[in-house]
Every structure is written in C-alpha cells, then in structure tokens.
PDB file of N, CA and C in Angstrom:
ATOM      1  N   MET A   1     -62.589  14.914  70.052  1.00  0.00           N
ATOM      2  CA  MET A   1     -61.237  15.089  70.539  1.00  0.00           C
ATOM      3  C   MET A   1     -60.273  15.383  69.391  1.00  0.00           C
ATOM      4  N   ARG A   2     -60.397  14.664  68.329  1.00  0.00           N
ATOM      5  CA  ARG A   2     -59.463  14.827  67.226  1.00  0.00           C
ATOM      6  C   ARG A   2     -59.567  16.204  66.589  1.00  0.00           C
ATOM      7  N   ASP A   3     -60.781  16.758  66.525  1.00  0.00           N
ATOM      8  CA  ASP A   3     -60.993  18.050  65.890  1.00  0.00           C
ATOM      9  C   ASP A   3     -60.988  19.216  66.881  1.00  0.00           C
ATOM     10  N   ASP A   4     -60.719  18.947  68.143  1.00  0.00           N
ATOM     11  CA  ASP A   4     -60.680  19.999  69.155  1.00  0.00           C
ATOM     12  C   ASP A   4     -59.410  20.833  69.002  1.00  0.00           C
ATOM     13  N   PRO A   5     -59.512  22.149  69.208  1.00  0.00           N
ATOM     14  CA  PRO A   5     -58.320  22.994  69.153  1.00  0.00           C
ATOM     15  C   PRO A   5     -57.375  22.621  70.290  1.00  0.00           C
ATOM     16  N   ARG A   6     -56.090  22.858  70.070  1.00  0.00           N
ATOM     17  CA  ARG A   6     -55.100  22.521  71.094  1.00  0.00           C
ATOM     18  C   ARG A   6     -53.845  23.362  70.920  1.00  0.00           C
ATOM     19  N   GLU A   7     -53.100  23.455  71.999  1.00  0.00           N
ATOM     20  CA  GLU A   7     -51.827  24.161  71.945  1.00  0.00           C
ATOM     21  C   GLU A   7     -50.758  23.163  71.514  1.00  0.00           C
ATOM     22  N   ILE A   8     -49.987  23.553  70.519  1.00  0.00           N
ATOM     23  CA  ILE A   8     -48.939  22.676  70.001  1.00  0.00           C
ATOM     24  C   ILE A   8     -47.638  23.458  69.847  1.00  0.00           C
ATOM     25  N   ARG A   9     -46.585  22.742  69.575  1.00  0.00           N
ATOM     26  CA  ARG A   9     -45.318  23.339  69.195  1.00  0.00           C
ATOM     27  C   ARG A   9     -45.228  23.211  67.675  1.00  0.00           C
ATOM     28  N   ALA A  10     -45.032  24.325  66.994  1.00  0.00           N
ATOM     29  CA  ALA A  10     -45.038  24.338  65.525  1.00  0.00           C
ATOM     30  C   ALA A  10     -43.963  23.402  64.973  1.00  0.00           C
ATOM     31  N   ARG A  11     -44.336  22.624  63.980  1.00  0.00           N
ATOM     32  CA  ARG A  11     -43.393  21.694  63.353  1.00  0.00           C
ATOM     33  C   ARG A  11     -42.685  22.307  62.155  1.00  0.00           C
ATOM     34  N   PHE A  12     -43.208  23.449  61.691  1.00  0.00           N
ATOM     35  CA  PHE A  12     -42.570  24.164  60.582  1.00  0.00           C
ATOM     36  C   PHE A  12     -42.971  25.629  60.664  1.00  0.00           C
ATOM     37  N   ASN A  13     -42.304  26.471  59.918  1.00  0.00           N
ATOM     38  CA  ASN A  13     -42.604  27.897  59.904  1.00  0.00           C
ATOM     39  C   ASN A  13     -43.971  28.127  59.271  1.00  0.00           C
ATOM     40  N   SER A  14     -44.747  29.031  59.861  1.00  0.00           N
ATOM     41  CA  SER A  14     -46.065  29.360  59.327  1.00  0.00           C
ATOM     42  C   SER A  14     -46.420  30.791  59.716  1.00  0.00           C
ATOM     43  N   VAL A  15     -47.671  31.172  59.421  1.00  0.00           N
ATOM     44  CA  VAL A  15     -48.147  32.531  59.679  1.00  0.00           C
ATOM     45  C   VAL A  15     -49.466  32.449  60.435  1.00  0.00           C
ATOM     46  N   CYS A  16     -49.656  33.316  61.425  1.00  0.00           N
ATOM     47  CA  CYS A  16     -50.890  33.360  62.205  1.00  0.00           C
ATOM     48  C   CYS A  16     -52.057  33.722  61.299  1.00  0.00           C
ATOM     49  N   ALA A  17     -53.147  32.966  61.415  1.00  0.00           N
ATOM     50  CA  ALA A  17     -54.331  33.208  60.589  1.00  0.00           C
ATOM     51  C   ALA A  17     -55.034  34.509  60.959  1.00  0.00           C
ATOM     52  N   GLU A  18     -54.814  35.005  62.162  1.00  0.00           N
ATOM     53  CA  GLU A  18     -55.485  36.227  62.612  1.00  0.00           C
ATOM     54  C   GLU A  18     -54.627  37.468  62.418  1.00  0.00           C
ATOM     55  N   THR A  19     -53.390  37.415  62.893  1.00  0.00           N
ATOM     56  CA  THR A  19     -52.550  38.615  62.935  1.00  0.00           C
ATOM     57  C   THR A  19     -51.549  38.718  61.796  1.00  0.00           C
ATOM     58  N   GLY A  20     -51.240  37.606  61.160  1.00  0.00           N
ATOM     59  CA  GLY A  20     -50.231  37.613  60.110  1.00  0.00           C
ATOM     60  C   GLY A  20     -48.806  37.540  60.645  1.00  0.00           C
ATOM     61  N   ARG A  21     -48.665  37.401  61.966  1.00  0.00           N
ATOM     62  CA  ARG A  21     -47.333  37.306  62.568  1.00  0.00           C
ATOM     63  C   ARG A  21     -46.708  35.951  62.242  1.00  0.00           C
ATOM     64  N   ALA A  22     -45.398  35.953  62.168  1.00  0.00           N
ATOM     65  CA  ALA A  22     -44.670  34.720  61.878  1.00  0.00           C
ATOM     66  C   ALA A  22     -44.718  33.776  63.078  1.00  0.00           C
ATOM     67  N   ILE A  23     -44.889  32.507  62.786  1.00  0.00           N
ATOM     68  CA  ILE A  23     -44.783  31.445  63.788  1.00  0.00           C
ATOM     69  C   ILE A  23     -43.630  30.569  63.322  1.00  0.00           C
ATOM     70  N   ASN A  24     -42.560  30.574  64.091  1.00  0.00           N
ATOM     71  CA  ASN A  24     -41.358  29.831  63.715  1.00  0.00           C
ATOM     72  C   ASN A  24     -41.429  28.400  64.218  1.00  0.00           C
ATOM     73  N   LYS A  25     -40.705  27.530  63.563  1.00  0.00           N
ATOM     74  CA  LYS A  25     -40.624  26.134  63.964  1.00  0.00           C
ATOM     75  C   LYS A  25     -40.184  26.077  65.424  1.00  0.00           C
ATOM     76  N   GLY A  26     -40.933  25.334  66.241  1.00  0.00           N
ATOM     77  CA  GLY A  26     -40.612  25.192  67.657  1.00  0.00           C
ATOM     78  C   GLY A  26     -41.364  26.143  68.567  1.00  0.00           C
ATOM     79  N   ASP A  27     -42.022  27.179  68.007  1.00  0.00           N
ATOM     80  CA  ASP A  27     -42.813  28.108  68.812  1.00  0.00           C
ATOM     81  C   ASP A  27     -44.125  27.452  69.242  1.00  0.00           C
ATOM     82  N   ASN A  28     -44.622  27.838  70.403  1.00  0.00           N
ATOM     83  CA  ASN A  28     -45.949  27.401  70.820  1.00  0.00           C
ATOM     84  C   ASN A  28     -46.982  28.177  70.020  1.00  0.00           C
ATOM     85  N   CYS A  29     -48.066  27.507  69.673  1.00  0.00           N
ATOM     86  CA  CYS A  29     -49.157  28.144  68.936  1.00  0.00           C
ATOM     87  C   CYS A  29     -50.432  27.361  69.205  1.00  0.00           C
ATOM     88  N   ILE A  30     -51.559  27.931  68.797  1.00  0.00           N
ATOM     89  CA  ILE A  30     -52.848  27.264  68.944  1.00  0.00           C
ATOM     90  C   ILE A  30     -53.256  26.744  67.574  1.00  0.00           C
ATOM     91  N   TYR A  31     -53.595  25.463  67.504  1.00  0.00           N
ATOM     92  CA  TYR A  31     -53.951  24.814  66.245  1.00  0.00           C
ATOM     93  C   TYR A  31     -55.417  24.408  66.263  1.00  0.00           C
ATOM     94  N   TYR A  32     -56.136  24.801  65.226  1.00  0.00           N
ATOM     95  CA  TYR A  32     -57.536  24.422  65.039  1.00  0.00           C
ATOM     96  C   TYR A  32     -57.603  23.448  63.854  1.00  0.00           C
ATOM     97  N   PRO A  33     -57.704  22.141  64.130  1.00  0.00           N
ATOM     98  CA  PRO A  33     -57.678  21.130  63.071  1.00  0.00           C
ATOM     99  C   PRO A  33     -58.807  21.243  62.047  1.00  0.00           C
ATOM    100  N   LYS A  34     -60.007  21.633  62.478  1.00  0.00           N
ATOM    101  CA  LYS A  34     -61.126  21.701  61.532  1.00  0.00           C
ATOM    102  C   LYS A  34     -60.834  22.651  60.384  1.00  0.00           C
ATOM    103  N   GLY A  35     -60.302  23.812  60.685  1.00  0.00           N
ATOM    104  CA  GLY A  35     -59.994  24.787  59.652  1.00  0.00           C
ATOM    105  C   GLY A  35     -58.544  24.751  59.210  1.00  0.00           C
ATOM    106  N   LYS A  36     -57.766  23.874  59.854  1.00  0.00           N
ATOM    107  CA  LYS A  36     -56.326  23.765  59.595  1.00  0.00           C
ATOM    108  C   LYS A  36     -55.655  25.136  59.708  1.00  0.00           C
ATOM    109  N   LYS A  37     -55.982  25.840  60.805  1.00  0.00           N
ATOM    110  CA  LYS A  37     -55.429  27.169  61.039  1.00  0.00           C
ATOM    111  C   LYS A  37     -54.590  27.160  62.305  1.00  0.00           C
ATOM    112  N   VAL A  38     -53.557  27.973  62.299  1.00  0.00           N
ATOM    113  CA  VAL A  38     -52.731  28.164  63.487  1.00  0.00           C
ATOM    114  C   VAL A  38     -52.790  29.630  63.878  1.00  0.00           C
ATOM    115  N   PHE A  39     -52.696  29.866  65.184  1.00  0.00           N
ATOM    116  CA  PHE A  39     -52.760  31.210  65.720  1.00  0.00           C
ATOM    117  C   PHE A  39     -51.566  31.457  66.623  1.00  0.00           C
ATOM    118  N   HIS A  40     -50.971  32.629  66.491  1.00  0.00           N
ATOM    119  CA  HIS A  40     -49.838  33.032  67.321  1.00  0.00           C
ATOM    120  C   HIS A  40     -50.281  33.011  68.773  1.00  0.00           C
ATOM    121  N   ILE A  41     -49.382  32.675  69.669  1.00  0.00           N
ATOM    122  CA  ILE A  41     -49.697  32.537  71.081  1.00  0.00           C
ATOM    123  C   ILE A  41     -50.167  33.857  71.700  1.00  0.00           C
ATOM    124  N   ASP A  42     -49.841  34.998  71.080  1.00  0.00           N
ATOM    125  CA  ASP A  42     -50.245  36.308  71.580  1.00  0.00           C
ATOM    126  C   ASP A  42     -51.482  36.873  70.873  1.00  0.00           C
ATOM    127  N   SER A  43     -52.141  36.084  70.054  1.00  0.00           N
ATOM    128  CA  SER A  43     -53.308  36.572  69.308  1.00  0.00           C
ATOM    129  C   SER A  43     -54.564  36.563  70.183  1.00  0.00           C
ATOM    130  N   LYS A  44     -55.578  37.268  69.750  1.00  0.00           N
ATOM    131  CA  LYS A  44     -56.858  37.310  70.456  1.00  0.00           C
ATOM    132  C   LYS A  44     -57.498  35.920  70.483  1.00  0.00           C
ATOM    133  N   GLN A  45     -57.394  35.182  69.408  1.00  0.00           N
ATOM    134  CA  GLN A  45     -57.965  33.832  69.347  1.00  0.00           C
ATOM    135  C   GLN A  45     -57.303  32.918  70.377  1.00  0.00           C
ATOM    136  N   ALA A  46     -55.996  33.045  70.558  1.00  0.00           N
ATOM    137  CA  ALA A  46     -55.289  32.239  71.551  1.00  0.00           C
ATOM    138  C   ALA A  46     -55.749  32.609  72.957  1.00  0.00           C
ATOM    139  N   GLU A  47     -55.996  33.897  73.202  1.00  0.00           N
ATOM    140  CA  GLU A  47     -56.495  34.345  74.501  1.00  0.00           C
ATOM    141  C   GLU A  47     -57.872  33.753  74.776  1.00  0.00           C
ATOM    142  N   GLU A  48     -58.735  33.743  73.762  1.00  0.00           N
ATOM    143  CA  GLU A  48     -60.056  33.148  73.915  1.00  0.00           C
ATOM    144  C   GLU A  48     -59.965  31.646  74.172  1.00  0.00           C
ATOM    145  N   TYR A  49     -59.035  30.986  73.508  1.00  0.00           N
ATOM    146  CA  TYR A  49     -58.822  29.554  73.714  1.00  0.00           C
ATOM    147  C   TYR A  49     -58.403  29.282  75.162  1.00  0.00           C
ATOM    148  N   ARG A  50     -57.452  30.061  75.672  1.00  0.00           N
ATOM    149  CA  ARG A  50     -57.000  29.871  77.050  1.00  0.00           C
ATOM    150  C   ARG A  50     -58.140  30.125  78.043  1.00  0.00           C
ATOM    151  N   GLY A  51     -58.979  31.120  77.776  1.00  0.00           N
ATOM    152  CA  GLY A  51     -60.135  31.374  78.630  1.00  0.00           C
ATOM    153  C   GLY A  51     -61.107  30.214  78.619  1.00  0.00           C
ATOM    154  N   TYR A  52     -61.349  29.658  77.447  1.00  0.00           N
ATOM    155  CA  TYR A  52     -62.232  28.500  77.327  1.00  0.00           C
ATOM    156  C   TYR A  52     -61.663  27.308  78.091  1.00  0.00           C
ATOM    157  N   MET A  53     -60.370  27.069  77.958  1.00  0.00           N
ATOM    158  CA  MET A  53     -59.750  25.941  78.648  1.00  0.00           C
ATOM    159  C   MET A  53     -59.807  26.134  80.160  1.00  0.00           C
ATOM    160  N   PHE A  54     -59.643  27.372  80.632  1.00  0.00           N
ATOM    161  CA  PHE A  54     -59.764  27.654  82.060  1.00  0.00           C
ATOM    162  C   PHE A  54     -61.169  27.326  82.536  1.00  0.00           C
ATOM    163  N   ASP A  55     -62.169  27.802  81.801  1.00  0.00           N
ATOM    164  CA  ASP A  55     -63.554  27.514  82.161  1.00  0.00           C
ATOM    165  C   ASP A  55     -63.808  26.008  82.182  1.00  0.00           C
ATOM    166  N   LEU A  56     -63.298  25.329  81.201  1.00  0.00           N
ATOM    167  CA  LEU A  56     -63.535  23.894  81.077  1.00  0.00           C
ATOM    168  C   LEU A  56     -62.915  23.100  82.216  1.00  0.00           C
ATOM    169  N   HIS A  57     -61.673  23.414  82.571  1.00  0.00           N
ATOM    170  CA  HIS A  57     -60.958  22.626  83.569  1.00  0.00           C
ATOM    171  C   HIS A  57     -61.111  23.147  84.994  1.00  0.00           C
ATOM    172  N   ALA A  58     -60.930  24.424  85.199  1.00  0.00           N
ATOM    173  CA  ALA A  58     -60.961  24.963  86.555  1.00  0.00           C
ATOM    174  C   ALA A  58     -62.381  25.139  87.079  1.00  0.00           C
ATOM    175  N   LEU A  59     -63.280  25.578  86.225  1.00  0.00           N
ATOM    176  CA  LEU A  59     -64.638  25.848  86.674  1.00  0.00           C
ATOM    177  C   LEU A  59     -65.607  24.709  86.323  1.00  0.00           C
ATOM    178  N   ASP A  60     -65.122  23.752  85.558  1.00  0.00           N
ATOM    179  CA  ASP A  60     -65.925  22.607  85.124  1.00  0.00           C
ATOM    180  C   ASP A  60     -67.184  23.062  84.381  1.00  0.00           C
ATOM    181  N   CYS A  61     -67.018  24.064  83.505  1.00  0.00           N
ATOM    182  CA  CYS A  61     -68.129  24.571  82.705  1.00  0.00           C
ATOM    183  C   CYS A  61     -67.848  24.296  81.233  1.00  0.00           C
ATOM    184  N   ASP A  62     -68.706  23.562  80.598  1.00  0.00           N
ATOM    185  CA  ASP A  62     -68.560  23.292  79.160  1.00  0.00           C
ATOM    186  C   ASP A  62     -69.748  23.914  78.438  1.00  0.00           C
ATOM    187  N   TYR A  63     -69.495  24.989  77.698  1.00  0.00           N
ATOM    188  CA  TYR A  63     -70.583  25.673  77.004  1.00  0.00           C
ATOM    189  C   TYR A  63     -70.433  25.608  75.531  1.00  0.00           C
TER     190      TYR A  63
END
C-alpha cells in the first residue's frame, strides 16, 4: 500500500517525469513512491494508471 502509485495534489512545483510538462502546486498528478516520480494528469502513464484502477475496482481484476 505504501509503495502503490496514487493520485495526489502536488505539494510543490515539479516536472512530469514522462512529458516534461510543468506540474504546479495544487495540481492533480500521479505519484509513484518507489521511483519518487510524478506524472502530469494528461500523460500516457497517468492514462495507464487510471485504466489499471478501473480494472482493479470496477472489474475486480488484479493483474
């Protein structure tokens, strides 16, 4: 649980690890604790995260 990726609200300004887009303080973003990386909410990685969460919760599939 602690190392699972999650959607957070940025606590400070940062840069998306995938796209290089700015993530401003207060913006929603996806945080991966293991790699200490954040991804812009519009990045491909964020889309994959949302798909995984849909599968996990709506379809009850954990792969």
